PDB file of N, CA and C in Angstrom:
ATOM      1  N   MET A   1      31.374 158.352  88.601  1.00  0.00           N
ATOM      2  CA  MET A   1      30.027 158.402  88.071  1.00  0.00           C
ATOM      3  C   MET A   1      29.148 157.447  88.820  1.00  0.00           C
ATOM      4  N   ALA A   2      28.074 157.895  89.307  1.00  0.00           N
ATOM      5  CA  ALA A   2      27.107 157.086  90.113  1.00  0.00           C
ATOM      6  C   ALA A   2      26.252 156.247  89.162  1.00  0.00           C
ATOM      7  N   VAL A   3      25.955 155.014  89.587  1.00  0.00           N
ATOM      8  CA  VAL A   3      25.124 154.170  88.825  1.00  0.00           C
ATOM      9  C   VAL A   3      23.677 154.409  89.186  1.00  0.00           C
ATOM     10  N   LYS A   4      22.809 154.608  88.192  1.00  0.00           N
ATOM     11  CA  LYS A   4      21.382 154.885  88.429  1.00  0.00           C
ATOM     12  C   LYS A   4      20.691 153.512  88.446  1.00  0.00           C
ATOM     13  N   VAL A   5      19.969 153.263  89.549  1.00  0.00           N
ATOM     14  CA  VAL A   5      19.224 152.021  89.680  1.00  0.00           C
ATOM     15  C   VAL A   5      17.797 152.344  89.494  1.00  0.00           C
ATOM     16  N   TYR A   6      17.052 151.554  88.670  1.00  0.00           N
ATOM     17  CA  TYR A   6      15.629 151.858  88.332  1.00  0.00           C
ATOM     18  C   TYR A   6      14.830 150.829  89.098  1.00  0.00           C
ATOM     19  N   TYR A   7      13.606 151.302  89.589  1.00  0.00           N
ATOM     20  CA  TYR A   7      12.720 150.409  90.311  1.00  0.00           C
ATOM     21  C   TYR A   7      11.375 150.457  89.654  1.00  0.00           C
ATOM     22  N   ASP A   8      10.427 149.639  90.138  1.00  0.00           N
ATOM     23  CA  ASP A   8       9.103 149.568  89.522  1.00  0.00           C
ATOM     24  C   ASP A   8       8.481 150.903  89.334  1.00  0.00           C
ATOM     25  N   ASP A   9       8.596 151.795  90.361  1.00  0.00           N
ATOM     26  CA  ASP A   9       7.967 153.080  90.326  1.00  0.00           C
ATOM     27  C   ASP A   9       8.587 153.980  89.237  1.00  0.00           C
ATOM     28  N   ASP A  10       9.650 153.646  88.709  1.00  0.00           N
ATOM     29  CA  ASP A  10      10.299 154.480  87.668  1.00  0.00           C
ATOM     30  C   ASP A  10       9.768 154.158  86.276  1.00  0.00           C
ATOM     31  N   ALA A  11       8.970 153.122  86.123  1.00  0.00           N
ATOM     32  CA  ALA A  11       8.430 152.692  84.814  1.00  0.00           C
ATOM     33  C   ALA A  11       6.931 152.912  84.769  1.00  0.00           C
ATOM     34  N   ASP A  12       6.413 153.347  83.704  1.00  0.00           N
ATOM     35  CA  ASP A  12       4.945 153.575  83.463  1.00  0.00           C
ATOM     36  C   ASP A  12       4.552 152.516  82.419  1.00  0.00           C
ATOM     37  N   LEU A  13       3.997 151.355  82.961  1.00  0.00           N
ATOM     38  CA  LEU A  13       3.625 150.293  82.083  1.00  0.00           C
ATOM     39  C   LEU A  13       2.220 150.539  81.416  1.00  0.00           C
ATOM     40  N   SER A  14       1.617 151.642  81.649  1.00  0.00           N
ATOM     41  CA  SER A  14       0.315 151.889  81.129  1.00  0.00           C
ATOM     42  C   SER A  14       0.422 151.996  79.579  1.00  0.00           C
ATOM     43  N   HIS A  15       1.604 152.322  79.082  1.00  0.00           N
ATOM     44  CA  HIS A  15       1.795 152.402  77.666  1.00  0.00           C
ATOM     45  C   HIS A  15       1.684 151.003  76.963  1.00  0.00           C
ATOM     46  N   LEU A  16       1.916 149.994  77.762  1.00  0.00           N
ATOM     47  CA  LEU A  16       1.898 148.577  77.285  1.00  0.00           C
ATOM     48  C   LEU A  16       0.569 147.923  77.549  1.00  0.00           C
ATOM     49  N   LYS A  17      -0.285 148.527  78.278  1.00  0.00           N
ATOM     50  CA  LYS A  17      -1.615 147.896  78.715  1.00  0.00           C
ATOM     51  C   LYS A  17      -2.444 147.656  77.451  1.00  0.00           C
ATOM     52  N   GLY A  18      -2.916 146.452  77.370  1.00  0.00           N
ATOM     53  CA  GLY A  18      -3.755 146.034  76.200  1.00  0.00           C
ATOM     54  C   GLY A  18      -2.904 145.706  74.944  1.00  0.00           C
ATOM     55  N   LYS A  19      -1.671 145.739  75.057  1.00  0.00           N
ATOM     56  CA  LYS A  19      -0.812 145.439  73.885  1.00  0.00           C
ATOM     57  C   LYS A  19      -0.205 144.042  74.071  1.00  0.00           C
ATOM     58  N   THR A  20       0.001 143.346  72.939  1.00  0.00           N
ATOM     59  CA  THR A  20       0.645 142.118  72.890  1.00  0.00           C
ATOM     60  C   THR A  20       2.122 142.326  72.366  1.00  0.00           C
ATOM     61  N   ILE A  21       3.057 141.815  73.159  1.00  0.00           N
ATOM     62  CA  ILE A  21       4.504 141.958  72.893  1.00  0.00           C
ATOM     63  C   ILE A  21       5.017 140.593  72.405  1.00  0.00           C
ATOM     64  N   SER A  22       5.574 140.640  71.223  1.00  0.00           N
ATOM     65  CA  SER A  22       6.136 139.433  70.677  1.00  0.00           C
ATOM     66  C   SER A  22       7.616 139.444  70.913  1.00  0.00           C
ATOM     67  N   ILE A  23       8.125 138.320  71.422  1.00  0.00           N
ATOM     68  CA  ILE A  23       9.583 138.181  71.654  1.00  0.00           C
ATOM     69  C   ILE A  23       9.926 137.051  70.638  1.00  0.00           C
ATOM     70  N   ILE A  24      10.737 137.435  69.622  1.00  0.00           N
ATOM     71  CA  ILE A  24      11.162 136.486  68.645  1.00  0.00           C
ATOM     72  C   ILE A  24      12.640 136.071  68.905  1.00  0.00           C
ATOM     73  N   GLY A  25      12.680 134.851  69.398  1.00  0.00           N
ATOM     74  CA  GLY A  25      14.057 134.287  69.771  1.00  0.00           C
ATOM     75  C   GLY A  25      13.940 134.152  71.329  1.00  0.00           C
ATOM     76  N   TYR A  26      14.174 132.959  71.852  1.00  0.00           N
ATOM     77  CA  TYR A  26      14.105 132.728  73.253  1.00  0.00           C
ATOM     78  C   TYR A  26      15.502 132.306  73.839  1.00  0.00           C
ATOM     79  N   GLY A  27      16.522 132.962  73.314  1.00  0.00           N
ATOM     80  CA  GLY A  27      17.894 132.716  73.794  1.00  0.00           C
ATOM     81  C   GLY A  27      18.220 133.562  75.014  1.00  0.00           C
ATOM     82  N   SER A  28      19.453 133.954  75.147  1.00  0.00           N
ATOM     83  CA  SER A  28      19.882 134.591  76.340  1.00  0.00           C
ATOM     84  C   SER A  28      19.168 135.850  76.616  1.00  0.00           C
ATOM     85  N   GLN A  29      18.846 136.707  75.600  1.00  0.00           N
ATOM     86  CA  GLN A  29      18.125 137.920  75.799  1.00  0.00           C
ATOM     87  C   GLN A  29      16.592 137.628  75.788  1.00  0.00           C
ATOM     88  N   GLY A  30      16.100 136.810  74.890  1.00  0.00           N
ATOM     89  CA  GLY A  30      14.701 136.667  74.746  1.00  0.00           C
ATOM     90  C   GLY A  30      14.045 136.032  75.958  1.00  0.00           C
ATOM     91  N   HIS A  31      14.685 134.997  76.560  1.00  0.00           N
ATOM     92  CA  HIS A  31      13.936 134.396  77.744  1.00  0.00           C
ATOM     93  C   HIS A  31      13.893 135.343  78.857  1.00  0.00           C
ATOM     94  N   ALA A  32      14.904 136.172  79.123  1.00  0.00           N
ATOM     95  CA  ALA A  32      14.859 137.127  80.207  1.00  0.00           C
ATOM     96  C   ALA A  32      13.868 138.177  79.990  1.00  0.00           C
ATOM     97  N   GLN A  33      13.825 138.724  78.776  1.00  0.00           N
ATOM     98  CA  GLN A  33      12.862 139.832  78.515  1.00  0.00           C
ATOM     99  C   GLN A  33      11.423 139.337  78.543  1.00  0.00           C
ATOM    100  N   ALA A  34      11.165 138.155  77.980  1.00  0.00           N
ATOM    101  CA  ALA A  34       9.811 137.565  77.946  1.00  0.00           C
ATOM    102  C   ALA A  34       9.287 137.352  79.376  1.00  0.00           C
ATOM    103  N   GLN A  35      10.126 136.764  80.219  1.00  0.00           N
ATOM    104  CA  GLN A  35       9.690 136.545  81.598  1.00  0.00           C
ATOM    105  C   GLN A  35       9.475 137.791  82.405  1.00  0.00           C
ATOM    106  N   ASN A  36      10.372 138.801  82.205  1.00  0.00           N
ATOM    107  CA  ASN A  36      10.253 140.022  82.873  1.00  0.00           C
ATOM    108  C   ASN A  36       8.928 140.769  82.465  1.00  0.00           C
ATOM    109  N   LEU A  37       8.689 140.789  81.158  1.00  0.00           N
ATOM    110  CA  LEU A  37       7.474 141.417  80.693  1.00  0.00           C
ATOM    111  C   LEU A  37       6.231 140.792  81.213  1.00  0.00           C
ATOM    112  N   ARG A  38       6.268 139.402  81.183  1.00  0.00           N
ATOM    113  CA  ARG A  38       5.059 138.622  81.696  1.00  0.00           C
ATOM    114  C   ARG A  38       4.905 138.874  83.196  1.00  0.00           C
ATOM    115  N   ASP A  39       6.008 138.889  83.929  1.00  0.00           N
ATOM    116  CA  ASP A  39       5.938 139.093  85.381  1.00  0.00           C
ATOM    117  C   ASP A  39       5.518 140.526  85.694  1.00  0.00           C
ATOM    118  N   SER A  40       5.642 141.427  84.748  1.00  0.00           N
ATOM    119  CA  SER A  40       5.203 142.803  84.913  1.00  0.00           C
ATOM    120  C   SER A  40       3.705 143.023  84.483  1.00  0.00           C
ATOM    121  N   GLY A  41       3.072 141.867  84.091  1.00  0.00           N
ATOM    122  CA  GLY A  41       1.686 141.930  83.720  1.00  0.00           C
ATOM    123  C   GLY A  41       1.372 142.131  82.223  1.00  0.00           C
ATOM    124  N   CYS A  42       2.421 142.074  81.403  1.00  0.00           N
ATOM    125  CA  CYS A  42       2.237 142.195  79.962  1.00  0.00           C
ATOM    126  C   CYS A  42       1.805 140.929  79.292  1.00  0.00           C
ATOM    127  N   THR A  43       1.113 140.987  78.185  1.00  0.00           N
ATOM    128  CA  THR A  43       0.798 139.859  77.389  1.00  0.00           C
ATOM    129  C   THR A  43       1.990 139.582  76.467  1.00  0.00           C
ATOM    130  N   VAL A  44       2.525 138.372  76.480  1.00  0.00           N
ATOM    131  CA  VAL A  44       3.742 138.065  75.767  1.00  0.00           C
ATOM    132  C   VAL A  44       3.526 136.881  74.888  1.00  0.00           C
ATOM    133  N   VAL A  45       3.941 136.966  73.639  1.00  0.00           N
ATOM    134  CA  VAL A  45       3.939 135.846  72.729  1.00  0.00           C
ATOM    135  C   VAL A  45       5.424 135.537  72.373  1.00  0.00           C
ATOM    136  N   VAL A  46       5.825 134.228  72.408  1.00  0.00           N
ATOM    137  CA  VAL A  46       7.172 133.888  72.071  1.00  0.00           C
ATOM    138  C   VAL A  46       7.213 133.226  70.771  1.00  0.00           C
ATOM    139  N   GLY A  47       8.085 133.774  69.823  1.00  0.00           N
ATOM    140  CA  GLY A  47       8.337 133.086  68.598  1.00  0.00           C
ATOM    141  C   GLY A  47       9.661 132.412  68.657  1.00  0.00           C
ATOM    142  N   GLN A  48       9.551 131.081  68.553  1.00  0.00           N
ATOM    143  CA  GLN A  48      10.839 130.273  68.604  1.00  0.00           C
ATOM    144  C   GLN A  48      10.634 129.037  67.652  1.00  0.00           C
ATOM    145  N   ARG A  49      11.600 128.645  66.935  1.00  0.00           N
ATOM    146  CA  ARG A  49      11.463 127.553  66.017  1.00  0.00           C
ATOM    147  C   ARG A  49      11.462 126.220  66.909  1.00  0.00           C
ATOM    148  N   PRO A  50      10.618 125.317  66.547  1.00  0.00           N
ATOM    149  CA  PRO A  50      10.488 124.034  67.282  1.00  0.00           C
ATOM    150  C   PRO A  50      11.742 123.160  67.087  1.00  0.00           C
ATOM    151  N   GLY A  51      11.899 122.327  68.010  1.00  0.00           N
ATOM    152  CA  GLY A  51      12.874 121.269  67.914  1.00  0.00           C
ATOM    153  C   GLY A  51      14.277 121.615  68.622  1.00  0.00           C
ATOM    154  N   GLY A  52      14.363 122.766  69.096  1.00  0.00           N
ATOM    155  CA  GLY A  52      15.645 123.117  69.719  1.00  0.00           C
ATOM    156  C   GLY A  52      15.400 123.274  71.299  1.00  0.00           C
ATOM    157  N   PRO A  53      16.562 123.399  71.924  1.00  0.00           N
ATOM    158  CA  PRO A  53      16.498 123.503  73.457  1.00  0.00           C
ATOM    159  C   PRO A  53      15.745 124.730  73.891  1.00  0.00           C
ATOM    160  N   ASN A  54      15.802 125.837  73.154  1.00  0.00           N
ATOM    161  CA  ASN A  54      15.143 127.067  73.564  1.00  0.00           C
ATOM    162  C   ASN A  54      13.610 126.926  73.406  1.00  0.00           C
ATOM    163  N   TYR A  55      13.205 126.145  72.490  1.00  0.00           N
ATOM    164  CA  TYR A  55      11.785 125.885  72.359  1.00  0.00           C
ATOM    165  C   TYR A  55      11.235 125.159  73.606  1.00  0.00           C
ATOM    166  N   ASP A  56      11.959 124.091  73.982  1.00  0.00           N
ATOM    167  CA  ASP A  56      11.558 123.363  75.182  1.00  0.00           C
ATOM    168  C   ASP A  56      11.729 124.204  76.476  1.00  0.00           C
ATOM    169  N   LEU A  57      12.699 125.128  76.477  1.00  0.00           N
ATOM    170  CA  LEU A  57      12.886 126.006  77.582  1.00  0.00           C
ATOM    171  C   LEU A  57      11.683 126.995  77.735  1.00  0.00           C
ATOM    172  N   ALA A  58      11.231 127.480  76.631  1.00  0.00           N
ATOM    173  CA  ALA A  58      10.070 128.417  76.645  1.00  0.00           C
ATOM    174  C   ALA A  58       8.884 127.635  77.175  1.00  0.00           C
ATOM    175  N   ILE A  59       8.628 126.416  76.720  1.00  0.00           N
ATOM    176  CA  ILE A  59       7.534 125.576  77.292  1.00  0.00           C
ATOM    177  C   ILE A  59       7.713 125.419  78.759  1.00  0.00           C
ATOM    178  N   SER A  60       8.912 125.080  79.252  1.00  0.00           N
ATOM    179  CA  SER A  60       9.096 124.835  80.665  1.00  0.00           C
ATOM    180  C   SER A  60       8.864 126.125  81.468  1.00  0.00           C
ATOM    181  N   HIS A  61       8.954 127.279  80.796  1.00  0.00           N
ATOM    182  CA  HIS A  61       8.754 128.550  81.478  1.00  0.00           C
ATOM    183  C   HIS A  61       7.267 129.016  81.390  1.00  0.00           C
ATOM    184  N   GLY A  62       6.451 128.127  80.840  1.00  0.00           N
ATOM    185  CA  GLY A  62       4.970 128.441  80.772  1.00  0.00           C
ATOM    186  C   GLY A  62       4.483 129.157  79.505  1.00  0.00           C
ATOM    187  N   PHE A  63       5.365 129.269  78.526  1.00  0.00           N
ATOM    188  CA  PHE A  63       4.995 129.916  77.222  1.00  0.00           C
ATOM    189  C   PHE A  63       4.551 128.818  76.297  1.00  0.00           C
ATOM    190  N   LYS A  64       3.794 129.186  75.299  1.00  0.00           N
ATOM    191  CA  LYS A  64       3.420 128.340  74.182  1.00  0.00           C
ATOM    192  C   LYS A  64       4.030 128.936  72.886  1.00  0.00           C
ATOM    193  N   PRO A  65       5.295 128.507  72.606  1.00  0.00           N
ATOM    194  CA  PRO A  65       6.018 129.084  71.483  1.00  0.00           C
ATOM    195  C   PRO A  65       5.286 128.899  70.129  1.00  0.00           C
ATOM    196  N   VAL A  66       5.351 129.846  69.252  1.00  0.00           N
ATOM    197  CA  VAL A  66       4.783 129.854  67.946  1.00  0.00           C
ATOM    198  C   VAL A  66       5.928 130.192  66.983  1.00  0.00           C
ATOM    199  N   SER A  67       5.615 130.124  65.707  1.00  0.00           N
ATOM    200  CA  SER A  67       6.603 130.514  64.653  1.00  0.00           C
ATOM    201  C   SER A  67       6.834 131.968  64.714  1.00  0.00           C
ATOM    202  N   ALA A  68       7.953 132.441  64.214  1.00  0.00           N
ATOM    203  CA  ALA A  68       8.288 133.917  64.089  1.00  0.00           C
ATOM    204  C   ALA A  68       7.179 134.567  63.361  1.00  0.00           C
ATOM    205  N   ALA A  69       6.713 133.955  62.284  1.00  0.00           N
ATOM    206  CA  ALA A  69       5.617 134.620  61.534  1.00  0.00           C
ATOM    207  C   ALA A  69       4.397 134.836  62.319  1.00  0.00           C
ATOM    208  N   GLU A  70       3.973 133.798  63.038  1.00  0.00           N
ATOM    209  CA  GLU A  70       2.778 133.989  63.861  1.00  0.00           C
ATOM    210  C   GLU A  70       2.992 134.951  65.015  1.00  0.00           C
ATOM    211  N   ALA A  71       4.167 134.954  65.623  1.00  0.00           N
ATOM    212  CA  ALA A  71       4.407 135.922  66.659  1.00  0.00           C
ATOM    213  C   ALA A  71       4.387 137.323  66.127  1.00  0.00           C
ATOM    214  N   ALA A  72       4.937 137.567  64.932  1.00  0.00           N
ATOM    215  CA  ALA A  72       4.905 138.857  64.342  1.00  0.00           C
ATOM    216  C   ALA A  72       3.431 139.326  64.050  1.00  0.00           C
ATOM    217  N   ALA A  73       2.659 138.393  63.622  1.00  0.00           N
ATOM    218  CA  ALA A  73       1.278 138.721  63.296  1.00  0.00           C
ATOM    219  C   ALA A  73       0.461 139.086  64.554  1.00  0.00           C
ATOM    220  N   GLN A  74       0.784 138.385  65.651  1.00  0.00           N
ATOM    221  CA  GLN A  74       0.055 138.638  66.916  1.00  0.00           C
ATOM    222  C   GLN A  74       0.471 139.888  67.665  1.00  0.00           C
ATOM    223  N   GLY A  75       1.715 140.277  67.456  1.00  0.00           N
ATOM    224  CA  GLY A  75       2.292 141.342  68.313  1.00  0.00           C
ATOM    225  C   GLY A  75       1.979 142.752  67.855  1.00  0.00           C
ATOM    226  N   ASP A  76       1.672 143.597  68.862  1.00  0.00           N
ATOM    227  CA  ASP A  76       1.637 145.028  68.630  1.00  0.00           C
ATOM    228  C   ASP A  76       2.998 145.636  68.671  1.00  0.00           C
ATOM    229  N   LEU A  77       3.852 145.005  69.462  1.00  0.00           N
ATOM    230  CA  LEU A  77       5.267 145.421  69.536  1.00  0.00           C
ATOM    231  C   LEU A  77       6.088 144.045  69.243  1.00  0.00           C
ATOM    232  N   VAL A  78       7.053 144.208  68.394  1.00  0.00           N
ATOM    233  CA  VAL A  78       7.824 142.983  68.063  1.00  0.00           C
ATOM    234  C   VAL A  78       9.302 143.204  68.361  1.00  0.00           C
ATOM    235  N   ASN A  79       9.803 142.349  69.204  1.00  0.00           N
ATOM    236  CA  ASN A  79      11.249 142.392  69.645  1.00  0.00           C
ATOM    237  C   ASN A  79      11.958 141.305  68.903  1.00  0.00           C
ATOM    238  N   ILE A  80      12.970 141.597  68.102  1.00  0.00           N
ATOM    239  CA  ILE A  80      13.761 140.595  67.402  1.00  0.00           C
ATOM    240  C   ILE A  80      15.009 140.393  68.249  1.00  0.00           C
ATOM    241  N   LEU A  81      15.045 139.261  68.953  1.00  0.00           N
ATOM    242  CA  LEU A  81      16.135 138.958  69.806  1.00  0.00           C
ATOM    243  C   LEU A  81      16.869 137.639  69.319  1.00  0.00           C
ATOM    244  N   LEU A  82      17.133 137.598  68.102  1.00  0.00           N
ATOM    245  CA  LEU A  82      17.845 136.545  67.458  1.00  0.00           C
ATOM    246  C   LEU A  82      19.319 136.848  67.274  1.00  0.00           C
ATOM    247  N   PRO A  83      20.173 135.819  67.083  1.00  0.00           N
ATOM    248  CA  PRO A  83      21.559 136.099  66.703  1.00  0.00           C
ATOM    249  C   PRO A  83      21.578 137.030  65.462  1.00  0.00           C
ATOM    250  N   ASP A  84      22.630 137.861  65.455  1.00  0.00           N
ATOM    251  CA  ASP A  84      22.622 138.842  64.310  1.00  0.00           C
ATOM    252  C   ASP A  84      22.611 138.156  62.966  1.00  0.00           C
ATOM    253  N   GLU A  85      23.252 137.066  62.784  1.00  0.00           N
ATOM    254  CA  GLU A  85      23.355 136.483  61.462  1.00  0.00           C
ATOM    255  C   GLU A  85      22.003 135.891  60.947  1.00  0.00           C
ATOM    256  N   LEU A  86      21.074 135.727  61.853  1.00  0.00           N
ATOM    257  CA  LEU A  86      19.715 135.232  61.451  1.00  0.00           C
ATOM    258  C   LEU A  86      18.701 136.310  61.294  1.00  0.00           C
ATOM    259  N   GLN A  87      18.931 137.532  61.836  1.00  0.00           N
ATOM    260  CA  GLN A  87      17.916 138.481  61.891  1.00  0.00           C
ATOM    261  C   GLN A  87      17.402 138.912  60.509  1.00  0.00           C
ATOM    262  N   GLY A  88      18.286 139.092  59.581  1.00  0.00           N
ATOM    263  CA  GLY A  88      17.887 139.658  58.180  1.00  0.00           C
ATOM    264  C   GLY A  88      16.943 138.689  57.527  1.00  0.00           C
ATOM    265  N   ASP A  89      17.315 137.399  57.480  1.00  0.00           N
ATOM    266  CA  ASP A  89      16.453 136.356  56.805  1.00  0.00           C
ATOM    267  C   ASP A  89      15.114 136.190  57.496  1.00  0.00           C
ATOM    268  N   VAL A  90      15.152 136.195  58.828  1.00  0.00           N
ATOM    269  CA  VAL A  90      13.881 135.961  59.565  1.00  0.00           C
ATOM    270  C   VAL A  90      13.014 137.192  59.424  1.00  0.00           C
ATOM    271  N   TYR A  91      13.588 138.348  59.408  1.00  0.00           N
ATOM    272  CA  TYR A  91      12.804 139.569  59.182  1.00  0.00           C
ATOM    273  C   TYR A  91      12.199 139.505  57.735  1.00  0.00           C
ATOM    274  N   ARG A  92      12.893 139.321  56.749  1.00  0.00           N
ATOM    275  CA  ARG A  92      12.442 139.322  55.372  1.00  0.00           C
ATOM    276  C   ARG A  92      11.397 138.220  55.163  1.00  0.00           C
ATOM    277  N   ASN A  93      11.645 136.997  55.644  1.00  0.00           N
ATOM    278  CA  ASN A  93      10.801 135.926  55.336  1.00  0.00           C
ATOM    279  C   ASN A  93       9.599 135.725  56.236  1.00  0.00           C
ATOM    280  N   ASP A  94       9.745 136.083  57.441  1.00  0.00           N
ATOM    281  CA  ASP A  94       8.692 135.760  58.434  1.00  0.00           C
ATOM    282  C   ASP A  94       8.022 136.975  59.097  1.00  0.00           C
ATOM    283  N   ILE A  95       8.819 137.969  59.432  1.00  0.00           N
ATOM    284  CA  ILE A  95       8.263 139.093  60.223  1.00  0.00           C
ATOM    285  C   ILE A  95       7.650 140.133  59.317  1.00  0.00           C
ATOM    286  N   ARG A  96       8.359 140.680  58.298  1.00  0.00           N
ATOM    287  CA  ARG A  96       7.866 141.804  57.506  1.00  0.00           C
ATOM    288  C   ARG A  96       6.528 141.409  56.833  1.00  0.00           C
ATOM    289  N   PRO A  97       6.353 140.241  56.312  1.00  0.00           N
ATOM    290  CA  PRO A  97       4.993 139.916  55.708  1.00  0.00           C
ATOM    291  C   PRO A  97       3.860 139.921  56.661  1.00  0.00           C
ATOM    292  N   ASN A  98       4.159 139.887  57.958  1.00  0.00           N
ATOM    293  CA  ASN A  98       3.113 139.754  58.968  1.00  0.00           C
ATOM    294  C   ASN A  98       2.965 140.967  59.850  1.00  0.00           C
ATOM    295  N   LEU A  99       3.585 142.074  59.496  1.00  0.00           N
ATOM    296  CA  LEU A  99       3.405 143.311  60.285  1.00  0.00           C
ATOM    297  C   LEU A  99       2.177 144.003  59.880  1.00  0.00           C
TER     298      LEU A  99
END
């Protein structure tokens, strides 16, 4: 089975034009997706709790992290990229009230 490789021309980013994409969680998935979206010209908001290494990492990558609640309120599209065991509580307490 051949592997399909996708290139810039394979994606239509016009669907994201004018949208704000919230990335909640700046861990192994979040940091990669946030940077890729930003590098593709998208507006990205990072939701990450302060005080941890990923908060500082987001700052070092040029983002201004906000709370999960604020990121959810700002985003037209919300990506929840937290560890599985945290997703339910963060969704109920911070994301759902701000959609």
